[in-house]
C-alpha atoms as a PDB file:
ATOM      1  CA  MET A   1      75.296  34.021 299.231  1.00  0.00           C
ATOM      2  CA  TYR A   2      78.157  36.348 300.191  1.00  0.00           C
ATOM      3  CA  ARG A   3      78.973  37.029 296.518  1.00  0.00           C
ATOM      4  CA  ALA A   4      75.340  37.881 295.761  1.00  0.00           C
ATOM      5  CA  LEU A   5      75.178  40.237 298.760  1.00  0.00           C
ATOM      6  CA  ILE A   6      78.321  42.089 297.661  1.00  0.00           C
ATOM      7  CA  ILE A   7      76.922  42.660 294.142  1.00  0.00           C
ATOM      8  CA  PHE A   8      73.526  43.706 295.566  1.00  0.00           C
ATOM      9  CA  GLN A   9      75.124  46.247 297.911  1.00  0.00           C
ATOM     10  CA  HIS A  10      77.367  47.510 295.117  1.00  0.00           C
ATOM     11  CA  LEU A  11      74.390  48.177 292.849  1.00  0.00           C
ATOM     12  CA  LYS A  12      72.635  50.055 295.630  1.00  0.00           C
ATOM     13  CA  ARG A  13      75.717  52.222 296.222  1.00  0.00           C
ATOM     14  CA  SER A  14      75.944  52.846 292.478  1.00  0.00           C
ATOM     15  CA  GLY A  15      72.431  54.237 292.453  1.00  0.00           C
ATOM     16  CA  ASN A  16      71.187  51.478 290.162  1.00  0.00           C
ATOM     17  CA  ARG A  17      67.420  51.333 290.086  1.00  0.00           C
ATOM     18  CA  SER A  18      67.049  47.744 288.998  1.00  0.00           C
ATOM     19  CA  ILE A  19      68.513  44.746 290.808  1.00  0.00           C
ATOM     20  CA  GLY A  20      66.947  41.793 289.090  1.00  0.00           C
ATOM     21  CA  ARG A  21      63.339  41.419 287.985  1.00  0.00           C
ATOM     22  CA  THR A  22      61.992  41.249 291.532  1.00  0.00           C
ATOM     23  CA  SER A  23      62.943  44.821 292.408  1.00  0.00           C
ATOM     24  CA  GLY A  24      59.707  46.223 291.017  1.00  0.00           C
ATOM     25  CA  MET A  25      61.592  49.265 289.773  1.00  0.00           C
ATOM     26  CA  ALA A  26      62.357  50.618 286.315  1.00  0.00           C
ATOM     27  CA  SER A  27      65.297  49.009 284.551  1.00  0.00           C
ATOM     28  CA  GLN A  28      68.212  50.992 283.146  1.00  0.00           C
ATOM     29  CA  THR A  29      69.226  49.317 279.904  1.00  0.00           C
ATOM     30  CA  ILE A  30      72.284  50.021 277.781  1.00  0.00           C
ATOM     31  CA  GLU A  31      71.311  50.429 274.140  1.00  0.00           C
ATOM     32  CA  PHE A  32      73.525  49.209 271.288  1.00  0.00           C
ATOM     33  CA  PRO A  33      73.781  50.972 267.893  1.00  0.00           C
ATOM     34  CA  ARG A  34      72.566  48.626 265.151  1.00  0.00           C
ATOM     35  CA  THR A  35      71.793  48.681 261.445  1.00  0.00           C
ATOM     36  CA  ASN A  36      68.295  47.996 260.125  1.00  0.00           C
ATOM     37  CA  LYS A  37      69.466  44.415 259.657  1.00  0.00           C
ATOM     38  CA  GLY A  38      70.228  44.161 263.371  1.00  0.00           C
ATOM     39  CA  GLU A  39      74.035  44.293 263.065  1.00  0.00           C
ATOM     40  CA  PHE A  40      75.951  45.891 265.939  1.00  0.00           C
ATOM     41  CA  VAL A  41      77.967  48.915 264.777  1.00  0.00           C
ATOM     42  CA  ARG A  42      80.907  50.236 266.811  1.00  0.00           C
ATOM     43  CA  LYS A  43      81.385  53.977 266.454  1.00  0.00           C
ATOM     44  CA  GLU A  44      84.764  55.571 265.769  1.00  0.00           C
ATOM     45  CA  SER A  45      86.802  57.145 268.556  1.00  0.00           C
ATOM     46  CA  VAL A  46      86.912  60.948 268.459  1.00  0.00           C
ATOM     47  CA  PHE A  47      90.100  62.182 270.159  1.00  0.00           C
ATOM     48  CA  ARG A  48      92.988  61.231 267.897  1.00  0.00           C
ATOM     49  CA  ASN A  49      96.030  63.342 268.792  1.00  0.00           C
ATOM     50  CA  TRP A  50      99.465  61.786 269.177  1.00  0.00           C
ATOM     51  CA  ILE A  51     102.251  61.931 271.752  1.00  0.00           C
ATOM     52  CA  THR A  52     105.755  62.007 270.254  1.00  0.00           C
ATOM     53  CA  ALA A  53     109.160  61.649 271.875  1.00  0.00           C
ATOM     54  CA  ASP A  54     110.378  64.925 270.337  1.00  0.00           C
ATOM     55  CA  GLY A  55     107.169  66.867 270.957  1.00  0.00           C
ATOM     56  CA  SER A  56     106.653  67.680 267.279  1.00  0.00           C
ATOM     57  CA  SER A  57     102.990  66.722 267.581  1.00  0.00           C
ATOM     58  CA  GLY A  58     102.347  69.299 270.313  1.00  0.00           C
ATOM     59  CA  PHE A  59     102.284  66.553 272.926  1.00  0.00           C
ATOM     60  CA  LYS A  60     105.802  65.700 274.105  1.00  0.00           C
ATOM     61  CA  ALA A  61     106.495  62.421 275.908  1.00  0.00           C
ATOM     62  CA  GLU A  62     107.371  63.427 279.464  1.00  0.00           C
ATOM     63  CA  GLN A  63     107.444  61.719 282.833  1.00  0.00           C
ATOM     64  CA  ASN A  64     104.298  62.190 284.938  1.00  0.00           C
ATOM     65  CA  ARG A  65     102.632  64.442 282.369  1.00  0.00           C
ATOM     66  CA  TYR A  66     100.038  61.957 281.144  1.00  0.00           C
ATOM     67  CA  HIS A  67      97.408  59.854 282.854  1.00  0.00           C
ATOM     68  CA  LEU A  68      95.355  56.865 281.748  1.00  0.00           C
ATOM     69  CA  TYR A  69      91.719  56.275 282.634  1.00  0.00           C
ATOM     70  CA  VAL A  70      90.935  52.579 282.243  1.00  0.00           C
ATOM     71  CA  SER A  71      88.542  49.791 283.112  1.00  0.00           C
ATOM     72  CA  LEU A  72      89.891  46.395 284.148  1.00  0.00           C
ATOM     73  CA  ALA A  73      86.800  44.884 282.544  1.00  0.00           C
ATOM     74  CA  CYS A  74      87.130  46.451 279.088  1.00  0.00           C
ATOM     75  CA  PRO A  75      89.287  44.591 276.525  1.00  0.00           C
ATOM     76  CA  TRP A  76      90.153  47.819 274.695  1.00  0.00           C
ATOM     77  CA  ALA A  77      91.420  49.511 277.872  1.00  0.00           C
ATOM     78  CA  HIS A  78      93.101  46.263 278.893  1.00  0.00           C
ATOM     79  CA  ARG A  79      95.355  46.539 275.819  1.00  0.00           C
ATOM     80  CA  THR A  80      96.862  49.739 277.209  1.00  0.00           C
ATOM     81  CA  LEU A  81      97.523  48.166 280.611  1.00  0.00           C
ATOM     82  CA  VAL A  82      99.327  45.231 278.988  1.00  0.00           C
ATOM     83  CA  VAL A  83     101.642  47.509 276.971  1.00  0.00           C
ATOM     84  CA  HIS A  84     102.048  49.859 279.934  1.00  0.00           C
ATOM     85  CA  SER A  85     103.306  46.852 281.925  1.00  0.00           C
ATOM     86  CA  LEU A  86     105.474  45.324 279.191  1.00  0.00           C
ATOM     87  CA  LYS A  87     107.241  48.633 278.574  1.00  0.00           C
ATOM     88  CA  GLY A  88     107.822  49.332 282.264  1.00  0.00           C
ATOM     89  CA  LEU A  89     105.979  52.643 282.379  1.00  0.00           C
ATOM     90  CA  GLN A  90     104.638  52.306 285.928  1.00  0.00           C
ATOM     91  CA  ASP A  91     106.721  55.241 287.178  1.00  0.00           C
ATOM     92  CA  VAL A  92     106.145  57.317 284.060  1.00  0.00           C
ATOM     93  CA  MET A  93     102.380  57.325 283.672  1.00  0.00           C
ATOM     94  CA  ASP A  94      99.880  56.445 286.382  1.00  0.00           C
ATOM     95  CA  TYR A  95      96.301  55.376 285.804  1.00  0.00           C
ATOM     96  CA  THR A  96      92.853  55.408 287.380  1.00  0.00           C
ATOM     97  CA  VAL A  97      90.554  52.383 287.277  1.00  0.00           C
ATOM     98  CA  VAL A  98      86.819  53.061 286.966  1.00  0.00           C
ATOM     99  CA  ASP A  99      84.066  51.041 288.631  1.00  0.00           C
ATOM    100  CA  TRP A 100      83.286  47.775 286.835  1.00  0.00           C
ATOM    101  CA  PHE A 101      79.573  48.646 286.794  1.00  0.00           C
ATOM    102  CA  LEU A 102      78.507  50.604 283.718  1.00  0.00           C
ATOM    103  CA  GLY A 103      75.181  52.279 284.466  1.00  0.00           C
ATOM    104  CA  ALA A 104      73.008  54.851 282.753  1.00  0.00           C
ATOM    105  CA  GLU A 105      75.418  57.659 283.710  1.00  0.00           C
ATOM    106  CA  GLY A 106      78.415  55.820 282.298  1.00  0.00           C
ATOM    107  CA  TRP A 107      81.748  54.916 283.847  1.00  0.00           C
ATOM    108  CA  LYS A 108      81.994  56.005 287.488  1.00  0.00           C
ATOM    109  CA  PHE A 109      84.898  56.649 289.850  1.00  0.00           C
ATOM    110  CA  ASN A 110      84.247  54.629 292.993  1.00  0.00           C
ATOM    111  CA  ASP A 111      86.873  54.005 295.658  1.00  0.00           C
ATOM    112  CA  GLN A 112      84.553  51.542 297.423  1.00  0.00           C
ATOM    113  CA  VAL A 113      85.308  48.930 294.751  1.00  0.00           C
ATOM    114  CA  PRO A 114      88.544  46.906 295.030  1.00  0.00           C
ATOM    115  CA  LYS A 115      91.305  48.237 292.714  1.00  0.00           C
ATOM    116  CA  CYS A 116      89.237  51.345 291.893  1.00  0.00           C
ATOM    117  CA  THR A 117      89.922  54.868 293.102  1.00  0.00           C
ATOM    118  CA  LYS A 118      88.452  58.306 292.979  1.00  0.00           C
ATOM    119  CA  ASP A 119      89.603  60.634 290.210  1.00  0.00           C
ATOM    120  CA  THR A 120      92.603  62.300 291.826  1.00  0.00           C
ATOM    121  CA  VAL A 121      93.593  64.090 288.613  1.00  0.00           C
ATOM    122  CA  ASN A 122      90.431  66.036 287.780  1.00  0.00           C
ATOM    123  CA  ASN A 123      88.228  65.291 290.811  1.00  0.00           C
ATOM    124  CA  CYS A 124      85.380  64.124 288.604  1.00  0.00           C
ATOM    125  CA  SER A 125      82.673  61.688 289.687  1.00  0.00           C
ATOM    126  CA  PHE A 126      82.053  60.232 286.238  1.00  0.00           C
ATOM    127  CA  LEU A 127      84.286  59.792 283.209  1.00  0.00           C
ATOM    128  CA  SER A 128      81.784  61.793 281.164  1.00  0.00           C
ATOM    129  CA  GLU A 129      82.854  64.840 283.168  1.00  0.00           C
ATOM    130  CA  VAL A 130      86.456  64.293 282.047  1.00  0.00           C
ATOM    131  CA  TYR A 131      85.258  64.320 278.425  1.00  0.00           C
ATOM    132  CA  LYS A 132      83.410  67.571 279.105  1.00  0.00           C
ATOM    133  CA  LEU A 133      86.587  69.119 280.518  1.00  0.00           C
ATOM    134  CA  ALA A 134      88.311  68.327 277.232  1.00  0.00           C
ATOM    135  CA  ASP A 135      85.380  69.529 275.131  1.00  0.00           C
ATOM    136  CA  PRO A 136      82.397  71.247 276.813  1.00  0.00           C
ATOM    137  CA  GLU A 137      80.310  70.598 273.686  1.00  0.00           C
ATOM    138  CA  TYR A 138      81.126  66.864 273.550  1.00  0.00           C
ATOM    139  CA  SER A 139      78.034  64.680 273.150  1.00  0.00           C
ATOM    140  CA  GLY A 140      79.495  61.425 271.808  1.00  0.00           C
ATOM    141  CA  ARG A 141      80.249  58.075 273.437  1.00  0.00           C
ATOM    142  CA  VAL A 142      82.209  58.064 276.674  1.00  0.00           C
ATOM    143  CA  THR A 143      84.657  55.177 276.412  1.00  0.00           C
ATOM    144  CA  VAL A 144      87.846  53.818 277.942  1.00  0.00           C
ATOM    145  CA  PRO A 145      90.764  54.031 277.616  1.00  0.00           C
ATOM    146  CA  VAL A 146      91.348  57.763 277.869  1.00  0.00           C
ATOM    147  CA  LEU A 147      94.841  59.212 277.579  1.00  0.00           C
ATOM    148  CA  TRP A 148      94.801  62.530 279.455  1.00  0.00           C
ATOM    149  CA  ASP A 149      97.327  65.362 279.313  1.00  0.00           C
ATOM    150  CA  LYS A 150      97.643  66.894 282.782  1.00  0.00           C
ATOM    151  CA  GLN A 151      99.570  69.877 281.394  1.00  0.00           C
ATOM    152  CA  GLN A 152      97.154  70.933 278.652  1.00  0.00           C
ATOM    153  CA  LYS A 153      94.170  69.544 280.596  1.00  0.00           C
ATOM    154  CA  THR A 154      92.690  67.700 277.664  1.00  0.00           C
ATOM    155  CA  ILE A 155      92.182  64.248 276.193  1.00  0.00           C
ATOM    156  CA  VAL A 156      95.008  63.335 273.857  1.00  0.00           C
ATOM    157  CA  ASN A 157      93.513  60.136 272.506  1.00  0.00           C
ATOM    158  CA  ASN A 158      90.778  57.614 273.302  1.00  0.00           C
ATOM    159  CA  GLU A 159      91.532  55.064 270.570  1.00  0.00           C
ATOM    160  CA  SER A 160      93.208  52.045 272.172  1.00  0.00           C
ATOM    161  CA  SER A 161      95.008  50.898 269.013  1.00  0.00           C
ATOM    162  CA  GLU A 162      96.767  54.268 268.804  1.00  0.00           C
ATOM    163  CA  VAL A 163      97.430  54.611 272.539  1.00  0.00           C
ATOM    164  CA  ILE A 164      99.305  51.292 272.634  1.00  0.00           C
ATOM    165  CA  ARG A 165     101.528  52.409 269.761  1.00  0.00           C
ATOM    166  CA  MET A 166     102.413  55.593 271.618  1.00  0.00           C
ATOM    167  CA  LEU A 167     103.235  53.634 274.763  1.00  0.00           C
ATOM    168  CA  ASN A 168     105.312  51.238 272.677  1.00  0.00           C
ATOM    169  CA  SER A 169     107.515  53.766 270.899  1.00  0.00           C
ATOM    170  CA  GLU A 170     107.383  57.266 272.347  1.00  0.00           C
ATOM    171  CA  PHE A 171     108.330  56.729 276.002  1.00  0.00           C
ATOM    172  CA  ASN A 172     111.457  54.593 275.561  1.00  0.00           C
ATOM    173  CA  GLU A 173     113.578  57.196 277.349  1.00  0.00           C
ATOM    174  CA  PHE A 174     111.645  56.455 280.536  1.00  0.00           C
ATOM    175  CA  CYS A 175     111.313  52.657 280.472  1.00  0.00           C
ATOM    176  CA  THR A 176     112.356  50.932 283.692  1.00  0.00           C
ATOM    177  CA  THR A 177     114.918  48.555 282.153  1.00  0.00           C
ATOM    178  CA  ASP A 178     117.034  48.410 278.992  1.00  0.00           C
ATOM    179  CA  GLU A 179     115.159  45.264 277.992  1.00  0.00           C
ATOM    180  CA  GLN A 180     111.837  47.089 278.183  1.00  0.00           C
ATOM    181  CA  LYS A 181     113.297  50.015 276.257  1.00  0.00           C
ATOM    182  CA  LYS A 182     114.433  47.686 273.463  1.00  0.00           C
ATOM    183  CA  LEU A 183     111.123  45.806 273.327  1.00  0.00           C
ATOM    184  CA  ASP A 184     109.307  46.853 270.152  1.00  0.00           C
ATOM    185  CA  LEU A 185     105.795  45.527 269.741  1.00  0.00           C
ATOM    186  CA  TYR A 186     105.464  47.123 266.296  1.00  0.00           C
ATOM    187  CA  PRO A 187     108.874  46.669 264.633  1.00  0.00           C
ATOM    188  CA  GLU A 188     109.420  48.167 261.191  1.00  0.00           C
ATOM    189  CA  SER A 189     110.270  44.793 259.658  1.00  0.00           C
ATOM    190  CA  LEU A 190     106.964  43.229 260.759  1.00  0.00           C
ATOM    191  CA  ARG A 191     104.543  46.122 260.339  1.00  0.00           C
ATOM    192  CA  THR A 192     103.005  44.945 257.085  1.00  0.00           C
ATOM    193  CA  GLN A 193     102.335  41.505 258.564  1.00  0.00           C
ATOM    194  CA  ILE A 194     101.047  42.925 261.844  1.00  0.00           C
ATOM    195  CA  ASP A 195      98.664  45.274 260.045  1.00  0.00           C
ATOM    196  CA  GLU A 196      97.415  42.407 257.883  1.00  0.00           C
ATOM    197  CA  VAL A 197      96.695  40.185 260.888  1.00  0.00           C
ATOM    198  CA  ASN A 198      95.079  43.039 262.831  1.00  0.00           C
ATOM    199  CA  GLY A 199      92.976  43.724 259.746  1.00  0.00           C
ATOM    200  CA  TRP A 200      91.052  40.454 260.030  1.00  0.00           C
ATOM    201  CA  ILE A 201      91.307  39.783 263.770  1.00  0.00           C
ATOM    202  CA  TYR A 202      89.710  43.086 264.765  1.00  0.00           C
ATOM    203  CA  PRO A 203      86.452  42.887 262.757  1.00  0.00           C
ATOM    204  CA  ASN A 204      85.960  39.155 263.074  1.00  0.00           C
ATOM    205  CA  ILE A 205      87.256  38.313 266.580  1.00  0.00           C
ATOM    206  CA  ASN A 206      87.869  41.422 268.749  1.00  0.00           C
ATOM    207  CA  ASN A 207      84.679  43.073 267.555  1.00  0.00           C
ATOM    208  CA  GLY A 208      83.171  39.812 266.316  1.00  0.00           C
ATOM    209  CA  VAL A 209      82.255  38.694 269.830  1.00  0.00           C
ATOM    210  CA  TYR A 210      80.347  41.947 270.279  1.00  0.00           C
ATOM    211  CA  LYS A 211      78.644  41.655 266.909  1.00  0.00           C
ATOM    212  CA  SER A 212      77.511  38.186 267.976  1.00  0.00           C
ATOM    213  CA  GLY A 213      76.412  39.161 271.483  1.00  0.00           C
ATOM    214  CA  PHE A 214      74.710  42.412 270.538  1.00  0.00           C
ATOM    215  CA  ALA A 215      73.068  41.186 267.336  1.00  0.00           C
ATOM    216  CA  GLY A 216      69.471  42.286 266.983  1.00  0.00           C
ATOM    217  CA  SER A 217      68.386  39.587 264.553  1.00  0.00           C
ATOM    218  CA  GLN A 218      69.046  35.913 263.880  1.00  0.00           C
ATOM    219  CA  GLU A 219      70.573  36.791 260.511  1.00  0.00           C
ATOM    220  CA  ALA A 220      73.019  39.278 262.034  1.00  0.00           C
ATOM    221  CA  TYR A 221      73.985  36.816 264.768  1.00  0.00           C
ATOM    222  CA  ASP A 222      74.486  33.925 262.337  1.00  0.00           C
ATOM    223  CA  GLU A 223      76.763  35.997 260.119  1.00  0.00           C
ATOM    224  CA  ALA A 224      78.832  37.352 263.002  1.00  0.00           C
ATOM    225  CA  VAL A 225      79.260  34.125 264.941  1.00  0.00           C
ATOM    226  CA  THR A 226      80.089  32.138 261.796  1.00  0.00           C
ATOM    227  CA  ALA A 227      82.811  34.630 260.856  1.00  0.00           C
ATOM    228  CA  LEU A 228      84.087  34.608 264.441  1.00  0.00           C
ATOM    229  CA  PHE A 229      84.738  30.865 264.521  1.00  0.00           C
ATOM    230  CA  GLN A 230      86.052  30.762 260.968  1.00  0.00           C
ATOM    231  CA  HIS A 231      88.729  33.236 262.011  1.00  0.00           C
ATOM    232  CA  LEU A 232      89.437  31.509 265.309  1.00  0.00           C
ATOM    233  CA  ASP A 233      90.135  28.436 263.183  1.00  0.00           C
ATOM    234  CA  LYS A 234      92.495  30.588 261.119  1.00  0.00           C
ATOM    235  CA  VAL A 235      94.276  31.677 264.324  1.00  0.00           C
ATOM    236  CA  GLU A 236      94.496  28.037 265.404  1.00  0.00           C
ATOM    237  CA  GLU A 237      96.190  27.139 262.133  1.00  0.00           C
ATOM    238  CA  LEU A 238      98.714  29.961 262.497  1.00  0.00           C
ATOM    239  CA  LEU A 239      99.546  29.091 266.087  1.00  0.00           C
ATOM    240  CA  SER A 240      99.987  25.417 265.334  1.00  0.00           C
ATOM    241  CA  LYS A 241     103.137  26.436 263.415  1.00  0.00           C
ATOM    242  CA  SER A 242     104.340  29.557 265.236  1.00  0.00           C
ATOM    243  CA  ARG A 243     104.629  30.614 268.859  1.00  0.00           C
ATOM    244  CA  TYR A 244     103.281  34.087 268.090  1.00  0.00           C
ATOM    245  CA  LEU A 245     100.960  35.517 265.455  1.00  0.00           C
ATOM    246  CA  VAL A 246     103.697  37.362 263.568  1.00  0.00           C
ATOM    247  CA  GLY A 247     107.414  36.586 263.483  1.00  0.00           C
ATOM    248  CA  GLY A 248     109.303  35.029 266.349  1.00  0.00           C
ATOM    249  CA  GLN A 249     108.414  37.597 268.998  1.00  0.00           C
ATOM    250  CA  ILE A 250     105.454  39.012 270.862  1.00  0.00           C
ATOM    251  CA  THR A 251     103.927  41.954 268.997  1.00  0.00           C
ATOM    252  CA  GLU A 252     100.943  44.237 269.332  1.00  0.00           C
ATOM    253  CA  ALA A 253      98.948  41.686 267.328  1.00  0.00           C
ATOM    254  CA  ASP A 254      99.304  39.248 270.237  1.00  0.00           C
ATOM    255  CA  VAL A 255      98.356  41.919 272.770  1.00  0.00           C
ATOM    256  CA  ARG A 256      95.228  42.847 270.827  1.00  0.00           C
ATOM    257  CA  LEU A 257      94.128  39.221 270.493  1.00  0.00           C
ATOM    258  CA  PHE A 258      95.002  38.320 274.088  1.00  0.00           C
ATOM    259  CA  THR A 259      92.505  40.671 275.719  1.00  0.00           C
ATOM    260  CA  THR A 260      89.676  39.047 273.770  1.00  0.00           C
ATOM    261  CA  LEU A 261      90.823  35.468 274.275  1.00  0.00           C
ATOM    262  CA  VAL A 262      91.271  35.836 278.040  1.00  0.00           C
ATOM    263  CA  ARG A 263      87.607  36.883 278.358  1.00  0.00           C
ATOM    264  CA  PHE A 264      86.216  34.358 275.911  1.00  0.00           C
ATOM    265  CA  ASP A 265      85.404  31.272 277.978  1.00  0.00           C
ATOM    266  CA  SER A 266      84.304  33.243 281.047  1.00  0.00           C
ATOM    267  CA  VAL A 267      82.076  35.765 279.276  1.00  0.00           C
ATOM    268  CA  TYR A 268      81.701  35.638 275.510  1.00  0.00           C
ATOM    269  CA  HIS A 269      81.097  31.882 275.219  1.00  0.00           C
ATOM    270  CA  GLU A 270      78.080  32.035 277.513  1.00  0.00           C
ATOM    271  CA  LEU A 271      76.758  35.585 277.625  1.00  0.00           C
ATOM    272  CA  PHE A 272      77.374  36.507 273.981  1.00  0.00           C
ATOM    273  CA  LYS A 273      76.279  33.105 272.605  1.00  0.00           C
ATOM    274  CA  CYS A 274      79.737  32.437 271.147  1.00  0.00           C
ATOM    275  CA  ASN A 275      79.314  28.818 272.161  1.00  0.00           C
ATOM    276  CA  LYS A 276      80.344  26.716 269.192  1.00  0.00           C
ATOM    277  CA  LYS A 277      83.689  26.061 270.893  1.00  0.00           C
ATOM    278  CA  ARG A 278      85.622  27.257 273.928  1.00  0.00           C
ATOM    279  CA  ILE A 279      89.185  28.531 273.823  1.00  0.00           C
ATOM    280  CA  ILE A 280      90.249  25.556 275.947  1.00  0.00           C
ATOM    281  CA  ASP A 281      89.011  23.305 273.117  1.00  0.00           C
ATOM    282  CA  TYR A 282      91.682  24.631 270.729  1.00  0.00           C
ATOM    283  CA  PRO A 283      94.930  22.633 271.014  1.00  0.00           C
ATOM    284  CA  SER A 284      97.103  25.591 269.948  1.00  0.00           C
ATOM    285  CA  ILE A 285      95.156  28.692 271.008  1.00  0.00           C
ATOM    286  CA  TRP A 286      94.706  27.563 274.614  1.00  0.00           C
ATOM    287  CA  PRO A 287      98.464  27.004 275.283  1.00  0.00           C
ATOM    288  CA  TYR A 288      99.184  30.250 273.385  1.00  0.00           C
ATOM    289  CA  LEU A 289      96.792  32.147 275.649  1.00  0.00           C
ATOM    290  CA  ARG A 290      98.573  30.779 278.710  1.00  0.00           C
ATOM    291  CA  ASP A 291     101.932  31.660 277.138  1.00  0.00           C
ATOM    292  CA  ILE A 292     100.956  35.320 276.727  1.00  0.00           C
ATOM    293  CA  TYR A 293      99.344  35.418 280.183  1.00  0.00           C
ATOM    294  CA  GLN A 294     102.595  34.176 281.742  1.00  0.00           C
ATOM    295  CA  THR A 295     104.781  36.681 279.860  1.00  0.00           C
ATOM    296  CA  GLN A 296     106.372  39.144 282.300  1.00  0.00           C
ATOM    297  CA  ASN A 297     103.550  40.637 284.392  1.00  0.00           C
ATOM    298  CA  ILE A 298     100.729  40.400 281.872  1.00  0.00           C
ATOM    299  CA  GLY A 299      98.759  38.070 284.149  1.00  0.00           C
ATOM    300  CA  ASP A 300      98.658  40.801 286.789  1.00  0.00           C
ATOM    301  CA  THR A 301      96.621  42.980 284.411  1.00  0.00           C
ATOM    302  CA  VAL A 302      93.787  40.420 284.306  1.00  0.00           C
ATOM    303  CA  ASP A 303      91.015  40.780 286.881  1.00  0.00           C
ATOM    304  CA  MET A 304      88.283  38.227 286.298  1.00  0.00           C
ATOM    305  CA  GLU A 305      86.058  39.645 289.056  1.00  0.00           C
ATOM    306  CA  HIS A 306      85.897  43.002 287.291  1.00  0.00           C
ATOM    307  CA  ILE A 307      85.441  41.312 283.932  1.00  0.00           C
ATOM    308  CA  LYS A 308      82.601  38.975 284.885  1.00  0.00           C
ATOM    309  CA  ASN A 309      80.784  41.452 287.110  1.00  0.00           C
ATOM    310  CA  HIS A 310      80.923  44.133 284.444  1.00  0.00           C
ATOM    311  CA  TYR A 311      79.501  42.081 281.607  1.00  0.00           C
ATOM    312  CA  MET A 312      76.963  40.052 283.575  1.00  0.00           C
ATOM    313  CA  VAL A 313      75.636  42.847 285.769  1.00  0.00           C
ATOM    314  CA  SER A 314      75.894  45.885 283.484  1.00  0.00           C
ATOM    315  CA  LEU A 315      74.439  44.245 280.357  1.00  0.00           C
ATOM    316  CA  ASN A 316      70.968  43.610 281.728  1.00  0.00           C
ATOM    317  CA  SER A 317      69.458  43.760 278.247  1.00  0.00           C
ATOM    318  CA  ILE A 318      71.031  40.350 277.566  1.00  0.00           C
ATOM    319  CA  ASN A 319      71.237  39.165 281.195  1.00  0.00           C
ATOM    320  CA  PRO A 320      68.103  40.666 282.794  1.00  0.00           C
ATOM    321  CA  ASN A 321      68.434  38.925 286.161  1.00  0.00           C
ATOM    322  CA  ARG A 322      72.055  40.068 286.487  1.00  0.00           C
ATOM    323  CA  ILE A 323      73.165  36.665 287.714  1.00  0.00           C
ATOM    324  CA  VAL A 324      76.954  36.236 287.652  1.00  0.00           C
ATOM    325  CA  SER A 325      77.996  32.701 286.738  1.00  0.00           C
ATOM    326  CA  ILE A 326      80.355  30.800 289.017  1.00  0.00           C
ATOM    327  CA  GLY A 327      82.697  29.347 286.403  1.00  0.00           C
ATOM    328  CA  PRO A 328      84.571  28.269 284.492  1.00  0.00           C
ATOM    329  CA  ASP A 329      87.657  27.173 286.391  1.00  0.00           C
ATOM    330  CA  LEU A 330      90.615  28.136 284.203  1.00  0.00           C
ATOM    331  CA  ASP A 331      94.274  27.745 285.102  1.00  0.00           C
ATOM    332  CA  PHE A 332      96.176  30.341 283.087  1.00  0.00           C
ATOM    333  CA  ASN A 333      99.378  29.393 284.921  1.00  0.00           C
ATOM    334  CA  GLU A 334      99.358  25.800 283.695  1.00  0.00           C
ATOM    335  CA  PRO A 335     102.580  25.087 281.725  1.00  0.00           C
ATOM    336  CA  HIS A 336     102.139  25.952 278.052  1.00  0.00           C
ATOM    337  CA  ASN A 337     105.185  24.143 276.573  1.00  0.00           C
ATOM    338  CA  ARG A 338     105.567  26.618 273.695  1.00  0.00           C
ATOM    339  CA  HIS A 339     109.059  27.875 274.569  1.00  0.00           C
ATOM    340  CA  ASN A 340     110.769  25.948 271.780  1.00  0.00           C
ATOM    341  CA  MET A 341     108.432  27.090 269.007  1.00  0.00           C
ATOM    342  CA  LYS A 342     109.682  29.698 266.535  1.00  0.00           C
END
């Protein structure tokens, strides 16, 4: 009862006009871009500049110059928080967490929500206003993460796969410890293998859960969900022989997969109809997920309240009553026993 009241009050504060079917008010529904076949299509990110340690790109890596806008619910933004933590950049680059509720006006800054704050950098109410500051003519998708340059007052990059590479390599001068400075999630010797693994994990698993959940036809769903579990089986095979996806160390490939896996049983399995198997049903993937979760402070970047509330309340087109499920009970801190694997 208390949980339901909190969500109800939050939606009222957010200005949401539809709280379940009994409200008698018009529903605000998020629309998903699809092909004529009903396949979900993710659009490309727009801001694609690069920060470099030497400043040759026009954006020099400096302490306290850049700011991240993130959502704790979003797997793409979550990638940046994981790398930000692993590399010890807490005192180098701060970040603002948006409200977990994604309404018709987009991501909102709301200091009434736990772990969220107002926008203290640009004093905006919505993330869309930040995009407009960078480009007054911008009319595209407003997404997280956003890497903001406080000096030039513009968006450097909003593509998570590129932001994590910048955080990995360009701010080493400012890492908290020598160990974090030496940590390389995209080492030269493994790049070909990392790119190859990313090349099939992204379309079939990271984006595959969305293609399954947002499918507009049975045919599109069948194709997406079949490919999803075929490639989870491929991951299972890899992890039955190796502690990590590539080489004998954690890499960006693990980070990119982790943020999908950690949401899978709580959200994608149920809400997105990815219900052939759960992650806990995989004898290698489930211990691997716990292994990554327990690495340094990665577990601290996971907020299941934000995750579940976001998906189950915001996506009323696939969950019209906005009921947030109570489970599952998952213990990510259970021993994983993978320390001795290569």
